[in-house]
N, C-alpha and C. Protein backbone atom coordinates (compact mmCIF):
# COMPACT_ATOMS: atom_id res chain seq x y z
N MET A 1 66.22 166.98 106.44
CA MET A 1 65.13 167.90 106.38
C MET A 1 65.40 168.87 105.23
N VAL A 2 64.36 169.30 104.55
CA VAL A 2 64.50 170.29 103.48
C VAL A 2 64.17 171.65 104.08
N ARG A 3 65.05 172.60 103.87
CA ARG A 3 64.86 173.95 104.39
C ARG A 3 63.67 174.59 103.69
N PRO A 4 62.78 175.25 104.42
CA PRO A 4 61.61 175.89 103.79
C PRO A 4 62.03 176.83 102.67
N GLY A 5 61.34 176.75 101.52
CA GLY A 5 61.61 177.60 100.39
C GLY A 5 62.86 177.22 99.60
N SER A 6 63.37 176.00 99.81
CA SER A 6 64.61 175.59 99.15
C SER A 6 64.53 174.13 98.75
N ASP A 7 65.33 173.75 97.75
CA ASP A 7 65.42 172.35 97.34
C ASP A 7 66.59 171.63 98.01
N GLU A 8 67.44 172.36 98.74
CA GLU A 8 68.58 171.73 99.39
C GLU A 8 68.17 171.16 100.74
N ALA A 9 68.90 170.14 101.17
CA ALA A 9 68.64 169.56 102.48
C ALA A 9 69.35 170.41 103.52
N TRP A 10 68.80 170.41 104.72
CA TRP A 10 69.33 171.26 105.77
C TRP A 10 69.45 170.46 107.06
N CYS A 11 70.60 170.56 107.70
CA CYS A 11 70.85 169.90 108.97
C CYS A 11 71.04 170.96 110.04
N HIS A 12 70.40 170.77 111.20
CA HIS A 12 70.52 171.78 112.26
C HIS A 12 71.95 171.89 112.80
N LEU A 13 72.79 170.87 112.60
CA LEU A 13 74.18 170.92 113.05
C LEU A 13 75.14 171.37 111.96
N HIS A 14 74.86 171.00 110.69
CA HIS A 14 75.84 171.18 109.63
C HIS A 14 75.41 172.12 108.50
N ALA A 15 74.25 172.75 108.62
CA ALA A 15 73.73 173.67 107.60
C ALA A 15 73.35 172.92 106.33
N ALA A 16 73.69 173.44 105.14
CA ALA A 16 73.30 172.81 103.88
C ALA A 16 74.05 171.49 103.71
N VAL A 17 73.33 170.43 103.35
CA VAL A 17 73.91 169.10 103.17
C VAL A 17 73.33 168.47 101.91
N THR A 18 74.00 167.43 101.44
CA THR A 18 73.50 166.66 100.31
C THR A 18 72.30 165.84 100.78
N PRO A 19 71.17 165.90 100.10
CA PRO A 19 70.00 165.12 100.52
C PRO A 19 70.29 163.62 100.52
N LEU A 20 69.71 162.92 101.47
CA LEU A 20 69.82 161.47 101.55
C LEU A 20 68.55 160.88 100.95
N HIS A 21 68.73 160.10 99.87
CA HIS A 21 67.61 159.45 99.21
C HIS A 21 67.57 157.99 99.64
N HIS A 22 66.40 157.40 99.58
CA HIS A 22 66.31 155.96 99.84
C HIS A 22 65.20 155.38 98.97
N SER A 23 65.31 154.09 98.75
CA SER A 23 64.32 153.41 97.91
C SER A 23 63.24 152.80 98.79
N VAL A 24 62.00 153.08 98.45
CA VAL A 24 60.88 152.50 99.18
C VAL A 24 60.71 151.03 98.79
N VAL A 25 60.96 150.73 97.52
CA VAL A 25 60.86 149.36 97.03
C VAL A 25 62.27 148.85 96.77
N LEU A 26 62.65 147.78 97.44
CA LEU A 26 63.99 147.22 97.31
C LEU A 26 63.95 146.03 96.35
N SER A 27 64.84 146.06 95.37
CA SER A 27 64.97 144.95 94.43
C SER A 27 66.41 144.89 93.97
N HIS A 28 66.77 143.80 93.30
CA HIS A 28 68.12 143.69 92.76
C HIS A 28 68.36 144.78 91.71
N ASP A 29 67.33 145.13 90.95
CA ASP A 29 67.45 146.20 89.97
C ASP A 29 67.69 147.55 90.64
N THR A 30 67.04 147.79 91.77
CA THR A 30 67.25 149.03 92.52
C THR A 30 68.70 149.13 92.97
N LEU A 31 69.23 148.05 93.53
CA LEU A 31 70.62 148.05 93.97
C LEU A 31 71.56 148.34 92.81
N SER A 32 71.31 147.70 91.67
CA SER A 32 72.15 147.93 90.48
C SER A 32 72.06 149.37 90.01
N ALA A 33 70.87 149.94 90.01
CA ALA A 33 70.68 151.31 89.53
C ALA A 33 71.42 152.32 90.40
N VAL A 34 71.39 152.14 91.72
CA VAL A 34 72.11 153.05 92.62
C VAL A 34 73.62 152.96 92.38
N CYS A 35 74.09 151.76 92.05
CA CYS A 35 75.53 151.53 91.90
C CYS A 35 76.11 151.93 90.56
N VAL A 36 75.27 152.17 89.55
CA VAL A 36 75.74 152.42 88.18
C VAL A 36 76.81 153.50 88.12
N ASP A 37 76.57 154.66 88.69
CA ASP A 37 77.54 155.75 88.61
C ASP A 37 78.04 156.18 89.98
N ALA A 38 77.91 155.30 90.97
CA ALA A 38 78.33 155.62 92.34
C ALA A 38 79.83 155.87 92.41
N ARG A 39 80.20 156.86 93.19
CA ARG A 39 81.61 157.18 93.39
C ARG A 39 82.20 156.45 94.58
N VAL A 40 81.36 155.78 95.36
CA VAL A 40 81.81 155.03 96.54
C VAL A 40 81.22 153.62 96.48
N PRO A 41 81.83 152.67 97.20
CA PRO A 41 81.30 151.30 97.21
C PRO A 41 79.92 151.21 97.88
N ALA A 42 79.20 150.16 97.53
CA ALA A 42 77.97 149.76 98.22
C ALA A 42 78.29 148.40 98.81
N TRP A 43 78.64 148.37 100.10
CA TRP A 43 79.15 147.14 100.74
C TRP A 43 78.03 146.25 101.26
N VAL A 44 78.19 144.95 101.06
CA VAL A 44 77.35 143.93 101.70
C VAL A 44 78.24 142.79 102.15
N PRO A 45 77.85 142.09 103.22
CA PRO A 45 78.61 140.91 103.62
C PRO A 45 78.52 139.84 102.52
N ASP A 46 79.63 139.15 102.28
CA ASP A 46 79.66 138.09 101.27
C ASP A 46 80.55 136.95 101.76
N PRO A 47 79.96 135.84 102.17
CA PRO A 47 78.52 135.56 102.09
C PRO A 47 77.75 136.29 103.19
N MET A 48 76.47 136.43 102.95
CA MET A 48 75.58 137.02 103.94
C MET A 48 75.49 136.06 105.11
N PRO A 49 75.58 136.54 106.37
CA PRO A 49 75.41 135.63 107.50
C PRO A 49 74.08 134.87 107.41
N ALA A 50 74.04 133.67 107.94
CA ALA A 50 72.84 132.82 107.87
C ALA A 50 71.62 133.57 108.41
N GLY A 51 70.56 133.58 107.62
CA GLY A 51 69.31 134.21 108.02
C GLY A 51 69.27 135.72 107.80
N TRP A 52 70.34 136.31 107.29
CA TRP A 52 70.40 137.75 107.07
C TRP A 52 69.95 138.12 105.66
N ALA A 53 69.52 139.38 105.50
CA ALA A 53 69.09 139.89 104.20
C ALA A 53 69.38 141.38 104.11
N VAL A 54 69.53 141.88 102.89
CA VAL A 54 69.61 143.32 102.66
C VAL A 54 68.20 143.86 102.80
N THR A 55 68.05 144.92 103.62
CA THR A 55 66.71 145.43 103.91
C THR A 55 66.50 146.87 103.45
N GLY A 56 67.55 147.49 102.88
CA GLY A 56 67.37 148.85 102.39
C GLY A 56 68.65 149.42 101.83
N ILE A 57 68.50 150.49 101.05
CA ILE A 57 69.64 151.22 100.51
C ILE A 57 69.30 152.71 100.49
N ALA A 58 70.29 153.52 100.85
CA ALA A 58 70.14 154.98 100.82
C ALA A 58 71.42 155.55 100.22
N TRP A 59 71.31 156.73 99.61
CA TRP A 59 72.47 157.33 98.98
C TRP A 59 72.33 158.84 98.98
N GLY A 60 73.49 159.50 98.94
CA GLY A 60 73.54 160.96 98.88
C GLY A 60 74.44 161.38 97.74
N GLY A 61 73.98 162.37 97.00
CA GLY A 61 74.74 162.89 95.87
C GLY A 61 74.23 162.36 94.56
N GLU A 62 73.91 163.25 93.65
CA GLU A 62 73.47 162.86 92.31
C GLU A 62 73.99 163.87 91.32
N PRO A 63 74.45 163.49 90.17
CA PRO A 63 74.70 162.10 89.81
C PRO A 63 75.97 161.60 90.50
N GLY A 64 76.08 160.33 90.67
CA GLY A 64 77.26 159.72 91.28
C GLY A 64 77.23 159.81 92.78
N ALA A 65 76.63 158.83 93.43
CA ALA A 65 76.51 158.83 94.89
C ALA A 65 77.87 159.01 95.56
N ARG A 66 77.93 159.97 96.48
CA ARG A 66 79.15 160.23 97.26
C ARG A 66 79.08 159.57 98.62
N GLY A 67 77.94 159.01 98.94
CA GLY A 67 77.75 158.26 100.17
C GLY A 67 76.66 157.22 99.93
N ILE A 68 76.92 155.97 100.33
CA ILE A 68 75.93 154.90 100.16
C ILE A 68 75.79 154.15 101.48
N VAL A 69 74.55 153.88 101.85
CA VAL A 69 74.23 153.11 103.04
C VAL A 69 73.49 151.86 102.61
N VAL A 70 73.99 150.70 103.03
CA VAL A 70 73.28 149.44 102.81
C VAL A 70 72.86 148.92 104.17
N ASP A 71 71.57 148.67 104.33
CA ASP A 71 71.00 148.20 105.59
C ASP A 71 70.77 146.70 105.48
N CYS A 72 71.20 145.95 106.49
CA CYS A 72 71.01 144.50 106.53
C CYS A 72 70.43 144.13 107.89
N ALA A 73 69.69 143.03 107.93
CA ALA A 73 69.10 142.59 109.20
C ALA A 73 69.04 141.07 109.23
N GLY A 74 69.03 140.55 110.45
CA GLY A 74 68.95 139.10 110.63
C GLY A 74 69.10 138.75 112.09
N PRO A 75 69.29 137.46 112.37
CA PRO A 75 69.44 137.04 113.76
C PRO A 75 70.75 137.54 114.37
N ALA A 76 70.66 138.04 115.60
CA ALA A 76 71.85 138.51 116.32
C ALA A 76 72.68 137.31 116.76
N PRO A 77 74.01 137.44 116.78
CA PRO A 77 74.86 136.32 117.18
C PRO A 77 74.57 135.77 118.57
N LEU A 78 74.07 136.62 119.49
CA LEU A 78 73.79 136.16 120.85
C LEU A 78 72.30 136.03 121.13
N GLY A 79 71.48 135.96 120.07
CA GLY A 79 70.04 135.81 120.21
C GLY A 79 69.29 137.09 119.89
N GLY A 80 68.04 136.93 119.50
CA GLY A 80 67.22 138.06 119.11
C GLY A 80 67.51 138.47 117.68
N SER A 81 67.14 139.69 117.32
CA SER A 81 67.39 140.19 115.98
C SER A 81 68.38 141.34 116.04
N ALA A 82 69.01 141.60 114.88
CA ALA A 82 70.00 142.67 114.79
C ALA A 82 69.87 143.37 113.45
N GLU A 83 70.41 144.57 113.39
CA GLU A 83 70.44 145.34 112.16
C GLU A 83 71.82 145.96 112.02
N LEU A 84 72.34 145.95 110.80
CA LEU A 84 73.67 146.46 110.50
C LEU A 84 73.59 147.40 109.32
N VAL A 85 74.12 148.63 109.47
CA VAL A 85 74.24 149.51 108.33
C VAL A 85 75.72 149.60 107.99
N LEU A 86 75.99 149.48 106.69
CA LEU A 86 77.34 149.62 106.16
C LEU A 86 77.36 150.91 105.34
N VAL A 87 78.21 151.84 105.72
CA VAL A 87 78.26 153.15 105.08
C VAL A 87 79.61 153.34 104.42
N ALA A 88 79.60 153.70 103.15
CA ALA A 88 80.80 154.13 102.43
C ALA A 88 80.55 155.58 102.05
N GLU A 89 81.50 156.45 102.37
CA GLU A 89 81.29 157.87 102.09
C GLU A 89 82.59 158.60 101.87
N GLU A 90 82.51 159.61 101.03
CA GLU A 90 83.65 160.49 100.85
C GLU A 90 83.85 161.30 102.12
N PRO A 91 85.10 161.70 102.42
CA PRO A 91 85.33 162.54 103.60
C PRO A 91 84.47 163.80 103.56
N GLY A 92 84.01 164.22 104.74
CA GLY A 92 83.19 165.41 104.85
C GLY A 92 81.72 165.21 104.60
N THR A 93 81.30 163.95 104.39
CA THR A 93 79.88 163.67 104.10
C THR A 93 79.06 163.58 105.38
N GLY A 94 79.54 162.88 106.39
CA GLY A 94 78.87 162.83 107.69
C GLY A 94 77.81 161.77 107.87
N LEU A 95 77.59 160.92 106.87
CA LEU A 95 76.55 159.88 107.01
C LEU A 95 76.87 158.91 108.14
N GLY A 96 78.07 158.34 108.11
CA GLY A 96 78.44 157.35 109.12
C GLY A 96 78.39 157.91 110.52
N ALA A 97 78.87 159.14 110.68
CA ALA A 97 78.83 159.78 111.99
C ALA A 97 77.38 159.94 112.46
N GLY A 98 76.48 160.22 111.53
CA GLY A 98 75.07 160.34 111.89
C GLY A 98 74.51 159.04 112.42
N TYR A 99 74.83 157.92 111.77
CA TYR A 99 74.36 156.62 112.24
C TYR A 99 74.98 156.26 113.59
N ALA A 100 76.24 156.65 113.78
CA ALA A 100 76.93 156.35 115.04
C ALA A 100 76.46 157.27 116.17
N GLY A 101 75.74 158.34 115.81
CA GLY A 101 75.24 159.27 116.82
C GLY A 101 76.27 160.31 117.22
N LEU A 102 77.22 160.60 116.32
CA LEU A 102 78.27 161.58 116.62
C LEU A 102 77.89 162.95 116.07
N PRO A 103 78.36 164.04 116.70
CA PRO A 103 77.99 165.38 116.26
C PRO A 103 78.91 165.98 115.19
N TRP A 104 79.88 165.22 114.67
CA TRP A 104 80.78 165.77 113.66
C TRP A 104 80.71 164.94 112.39
N LEU A 105 81.43 165.38 111.34
CA LEU A 105 81.31 164.75 110.03
C LEU A 105 82.22 163.54 109.83
N ASP A 106 83.47 163.64 110.24
CA ASP A 106 84.46 162.59 110.00
C ASP A 106 84.99 162.04 111.32
N PRO A 107 85.58 160.84 111.29
CA PRO A 107 86.04 160.23 112.54
C PRO A 107 87.25 160.90 113.16
N GLY A 108 88.03 161.65 112.37
CA GLY A 108 89.17 162.39 112.92
C GLY A 108 90.11 161.55 113.75
N GLU A 109 90.27 161.91 115.01
CA GLU A 109 91.23 161.26 115.90
C GLU A 109 90.81 159.86 116.33
N LEU A 110 89.61 159.43 115.99
CA LEU A 110 89.19 158.07 116.34
C LEU A 110 90.00 157.03 115.58
N VAL A 111 90.50 157.42 114.41
CA VAL A 111 91.26 156.51 113.57
C VAL A 111 92.74 156.75 113.80
N GLY A 112 93.35 155.86 114.54
CA GLY A 112 94.76 155.97 114.86
C GLY A 112 95.11 154.98 115.94
N GLY A 113 96.37 154.63 116.02
CA GLY A 113 96.79 153.63 117.00
C GLY A 113 96.34 152.25 116.53
N PRO A 114 96.39 151.28 117.42
CA PRO A 114 96.01 149.92 117.03
C PRO A 114 94.52 149.82 116.72
N SER A 115 94.19 149.10 115.66
CA SER A 115 92.78 148.91 115.31
C SER A 115 92.16 147.87 116.24
N ALA A 116 90.82 147.91 116.33
CA ALA A 116 90.09 147.00 117.22
C ALA A 116 89.58 145.78 116.47
N ALA A 117 89.44 145.87 115.17
CA ALA A 117 88.90 144.77 114.35
C ALA A 117 89.32 145.03 112.90
N ALA A 118 88.89 144.14 112.02
CA ALA A 118 89.17 144.32 110.60
C ALA A 118 88.15 143.51 109.80
N VAL A 119 87.93 143.93 108.57
CA VAL A 119 87.11 143.19 107.61
C VAL A 119 87.92 143.07 106.33
N GLN A 120 87.49 142.19 105.45
CA GLN A 120 88.04 142.11 104.11
C GLN A 120 87.08 142.87 103.20
N ALA A 121 87.54 143.94 102.59
CA ALA A 121 86.69 144.75 101.73
C ALA A 121 87.21 144.62 100.30
N ALA A 122 86.48 143.89 99.47
CA ALA A 122 86.87 143.64 98.08
C ALA A 122 88.29 143.12 97.99
N GLY A 123 88.61 142.18 98.88
CA GLY A 123 89.91 141.51 98.85
C GLY A 123 91.02 142.20 99.60
N GLN A 124 90.77 143.39 100.14
CA GLN A 124 91.78 144.12 100.90
C GLN A 124 91.42 144.15 102.37
N ARG A 125 92.43 143.99 103.24
CA ARG A 125 92.18 144.09 104.68
C ARG A 125 91.89 145.54 105.02
N ALA A 126 90.80 145.77 105.73
CA ALA A 126 90.41 147.12 106.15
C ALA A 126 90.34 147.16 107.68
N PRO A 127 91.36 147.73 108.34
CA PRO A 127 91.32 147.85 109.80
C PRO A 127 90.16 148.74 110.23
N LEU A 128 89.58 148.44 111.37
CA LEU A 128 88.46 149.22 111.91
C LEU A 128 88.77 149.66 113.34
N TRP A 129 88.35 150.87 113.68
CA TRP A 129 88.53 151.41 115.01
C TRP A 129 87.16 151.55 115.67
N SER A 130 87.12 151.25 116.95
CA SER A 130 85.89 151.36 117.72
C SER A 130 85.51 152.83 117.89
N VAL A 131 84.22 153.10 117.78
CA VAL A 131 83.69 154.46 117.90
C VAL A 131 82.86 154.55 119.18
N PRO A 132 83.16 155.52 120.04
CA PRO A 132 82.33 155.67 121.24
C PRO A 132 80.93 156.14 120.84
N THR A 133 79.92 155.40 121.28
CA THR A 133 78.55 155.73 120.91
C THR A 133 77.63 155.34 122.05
N SER A 134 76.34 155.44 121.84
CA SER A 134 75.38 155.13 122.89
C SER A 134 75.30 153.62 123.13
N ASP A 135 74.72 153.24 124.24
CA ASP A 135 74.67 151.83 124.65
C ASP A 135 73.77 150.97 123.77
N ASP A 136 72.92 151.57 122.93
CA ASP A 136 71.98 150.78 122.14
C ASP A 136 72.59 150.26 120.83
N ARG A 137 73.85 150.64 120.52
CA ARG A 137 74.47 150.24 119.26
C ARG A 137 75.98 150.10 119.44
N TRP A 138 76.62 149.54 118.44
CA TRP A 138 78.09 149.58 118.35
C TRP A 138 78.44 150.17 117.00
N ALA A 139 79.63 150.76 116.94
CA ALA A 139 80.07 151.38 115.69
C ALA A 139 81.57 151.21 115.54
N PHE A 140 81.98 150.94 114.29
CA PHE A 140 83.39 150.87 113.92
C PHE A 140 83.57 151.69 112.66
N VAL A 141 84.76 152.24 112.49
CA VAL A 141 85.07 153.01 111.30
C VAL A 141 86.48 152.68 110.82
N GLY A 142 86.66 152.73 109.52
CA GLY A 142 87.96 152.52 108.90
C GLY A 142 87.94 153.16 107.53
N GLU A 143 88.82 152.68 106.67
CA GLU A 143 88.92 153.23 105.32
C GLU A 143 89.08 152.08 104.34
N ALA A 144 88.39 152.17 103.22
CA ALA A 144 88.52 151.20 102.14
C ALA A 144 88.26 151.92 100.83
N TYR A 145 89.10 151.69 99.83
CA TYR A 145 89.00 152.33 98.52
C TYR A 145 89.11 153.85 98.60
N GLY A 146 89.82 154.35 99.62
CA GLY A 146 90.03 155.79 99.74
C GLY A 146 88.86 156.57 100.30
N VAL A 147 87.86 155.88 100.83
CA VAL A 147 86.71 156.54 101.45
C VAL A 147 86.45 155.89 102.80
N TRP A 148 85.66 156.56 103.63
CA TRP A 148 85.34 156.01 104.95
C TRP A 148 84.44 154.80 104.83
N LEU A 149 84.67 153.85 105.70
CA LEU A 149 83.83 152.66 105.84
C LEU A 149 83.35 152.61 107.28
N TRP A 150 82.06 152.70 107.48
CA TRP A 150 81.44 152.65 108.81
C TRP A 150 80.59 151.39 108.89
N LEU A 151 80.64 150.72 110.03
CA LEU A 151 79.73 149.62 110.34
C LEU A 151 79.07 149.99 111.66
N VAL A 152 77.75 150.12 111.65
CA VAL A 152 76.99 150.47 112.85
C VAL A 152 75.89 149.43 112.98
N ALA A 153 75.74 148.87 114.18
CA ALA A 153 74.75 147.81 114.37
C ALA A 153 73.97 148.01 115.66
N TRP A 154 72.76 147.52 115.63
CA TRP A 154 71.86 147.51 116.78
C TRP A 154 71.44 146.07 117.00
N PRO A 155 71.43 145.55 118.20
CA PRO A 155 71.91 146.12 119.46
C PRO A 155 73.43 146.05 119.54
N ALA A 156 73.97 146.57 120.63
CA ALA A 156 75.43 146.61 120.80
C ALA A 156 76.05 145.21 120.77
N THR A 157 75.32 144.20 121.22
CA THR A 157 75.87 142.84 121.23
C THR A 157 76.07 142.27 119.84
N ALA A 158 75.52 142.92 118.82
CA ALA A 158 75.71 142.46 117.44
C ALA A 158 77.15 142.63 116.98
N ALA A 159 77.99 143.27 117.77
CA ALA A 159 79.41 143.40 117.43
C ALA A 159 80.07 142.05 117.24
N TRP A 160 79.46 141.00 117.77
CA TRP A 160 80.02 139.65 117.58
C TRP A 160 80.05 139.24 116.11
N LEU A 161 79.33 139.96 115.24
CA LEU A 161 79.41 139.69 113.80
C LEU A 161 80.84 139.81 113.30
N LEU A 162 81.62 140.71 113.90
CA LEU A 162 83.00 140.93 113.45
C LEU A 162 83.92 139.79 113.87
N ALA A 163 83.48 138.94 114.77
CA ALA A 163 84.30 137.80 115.19
C ALA A 163 84.33 136.71 114.11
N GLU A 164 83.49 136.85 113.09
CA GLU A 164 83.37 135.82 112.05
C GLU A 164 84.13 136.17 110.78
N ASP A 165 85.19 136.98 110.86
CA ASP A 165 85.98 137.35 109.69
C ASP A 165 85.08 137.83 108.55
N LEU A 166 84.40 138.90 108.77
CA LEU A 166 83.45 139.45 107.82
C LEU A 166 84.15 139.86 106.52
N VAL A 167 83.60 139.40 105.41
CA VAL A 167 84.10 139.74 104.07
C VAL A 167 83.02 140.59 103.40
N LEU A 168 83.44 141.69 102.77
CA LEU A 168 82.49 142.60 102.14
C LEU A 168 82.66 142.59 100.63
N LEU A 169 81.54 142.61 99.93
CA LEU A 169 81.47 142.68 98.48
C LEU A 169 80.97 144.07 98.10
N ASP A 170 81.58 144.66 97.09
CA ASP A 170 81.13 145.94 96.55
C ASP A 170 80.09 145.66 95.47
N LEU A 171 78.86 146.09 95.69
CA LEU A 171 77.79 145.84 94.73
C LEU A 171 78.00 146.56 93.40
N ARG A 172 78.96 147.48 93.33
CA ARG A 172 79.28 148.09 92.04
C ARG A 172 79.92 147.05 91.12
N ASP A 173 80.59 146.05 91.71
CA ASP A 173 81.21 144.99 90.91
C ASP A 173 80.18 144.00 90.40
N ARG A 174 79.24 143.63 91.27
CA ARG A 174 78.16 142.72 90.87
C ARG A 174 77.11 142.66 91.97
N VAL A 175 75.87 142.52 91.56
CA VAL A 175 74.77 142.29 92.51
C VAL A 175 74.38 140.83 92.32
N PRO A 176 74.74 139.96 93.27
CA PRO A 176 74.43 138.54 93.10
C PRO A 176 72.93 138.31 92.95
N ALA A 177 72.56 137.47 92.01
CA ALA A 177 71.13 137.17 91.78
C ALA A 177 70.49 136.52 93.00
N ASP A 178 71.31 135.84 93.81
CA ASP A 178 70.76 135.16 94.99
C ASP A 178 70.93 135.98 96.27
N LEU A 179 71.27 137.27 96.16
CA LEU A 179 71.40 138.12 97.33
C LEU A 179 70.04 138.23 98.01
N PRO A 180 69.93 137.79 99.27
CA PRO A 180 68.61 137.82 99.92
C PRO A 180 68.18 139.25 100.23
N LEU A 181 66.91 139.54 99.97
CA LEU A 181 66.32 140.84 100.26
C LEU A 181 65.21 140.65 101.27
N GLY A 182 65.05 141.61 102.17
CA GLY A 182 64.04 141.49 103.22
C GLY A 182 63.25 142.77 103.38
N PRO A 183 62.32 142.76 104.33
CA PRO A 183 61.49 143.95 104.58
C PRO A 183 62.34 145.08 105.16
N PRO A 184 61.88 146.32 105.03
CA PRO A 184 62.66 147.47 105.50
C PRO A 184 63.07 147.35 106.96
N GLY A 185 64.30 147.78 107.21
CA GLY A 185 64.81 147.79 108.58
C GLY A 185 64.40 149.07 109.30
N GLU A 186 64.61 149.10 110.60
CA GLU A 186 64.23 150.26 111.41
C GLU A 186 65.23 151.39 111.33
N HIS A 187 66.48 151.10 110.98
CA HIS A 187 67.55 152.10 111.11
C HIS A 187 68.11 152.58 109.78
N LEU A 188 67.39 152.41 108.67
CA LEU A 188 67.92 152.82 107.37
C LEU A 188 68.23 154.31 107.32
N LEU A 189 67.40 155.11 107.92
CA LEU A 189 67.63 156.55 107.92
C LEU A 189 68.24 156.97 109.26
N PRO A 190 69.31 157.80 109.24
CA PRO A 190 69.98 158.15 110.49
C PRO A 190 69.02 158.81 111.47
N GLY A 191 69.26 158.58 112.74
CA GLY A 191 68.43 159.17 113.77
C GLY A 191 67.22 158.35 114.12
N THR A 192 67.04 157.19 113.46
CA THR A 192 65.88 156.35 113.78
C THR A 192 66.28 155.22 114.69
C-alpha cells in the first residue's frame, strides 16, 4: 500500500517498505529486463515440471532488485492445480515471510538444526527448513547465494514437488527461449 501523500510503500506491520512491483504482461523480455541489474537471483525450476509454466514476476528495489518473486503454476503432484512462488531476497526484506503468512521479516530461529528438504540452486545444494504456516499452503526457507530462498506453494499437498529433486536455475544467468509462460497466477502478490 502507498501511504497517503507519499511515494513510499507502507505496511501496517513494518512501516515504510520497498514497493513491490509486478509485470502485468509476462514475456521472456520482461524476465530478462527484471534480471539485468538484480542483486538477487530469479529462481525457476529447471527443468520445469511437466505441465508447469512461469505465471508472473514481482520485484522490490530499484535500481537493482533486492527481492524477486517468480510465480509458477501447473498440475499438483497429487491431482488438481498448484501454484509455487520462489522468493530470493536480501535479509530484512520480508517478502518470503509475507507469502508464508508470517508477521516478521526474516526466518530467524526457523533455520537451524536438521533441514527438512533441499534443492539444487545454480549447482549448489541449498538445505530448506519447514516453515509453520496456515493449512492452505506449505512453505520452506533456506539460503542460496547469500540471500534467503523461500518456496511457498498452494495447496499444502504441493509439497510433493520437493520429492522430485528440484533443481533451480537463476534467470540472471539465462532466460531459456523455451521457458513456458502462462496466465497470471492467483498468488503473485502476497496476501492473495
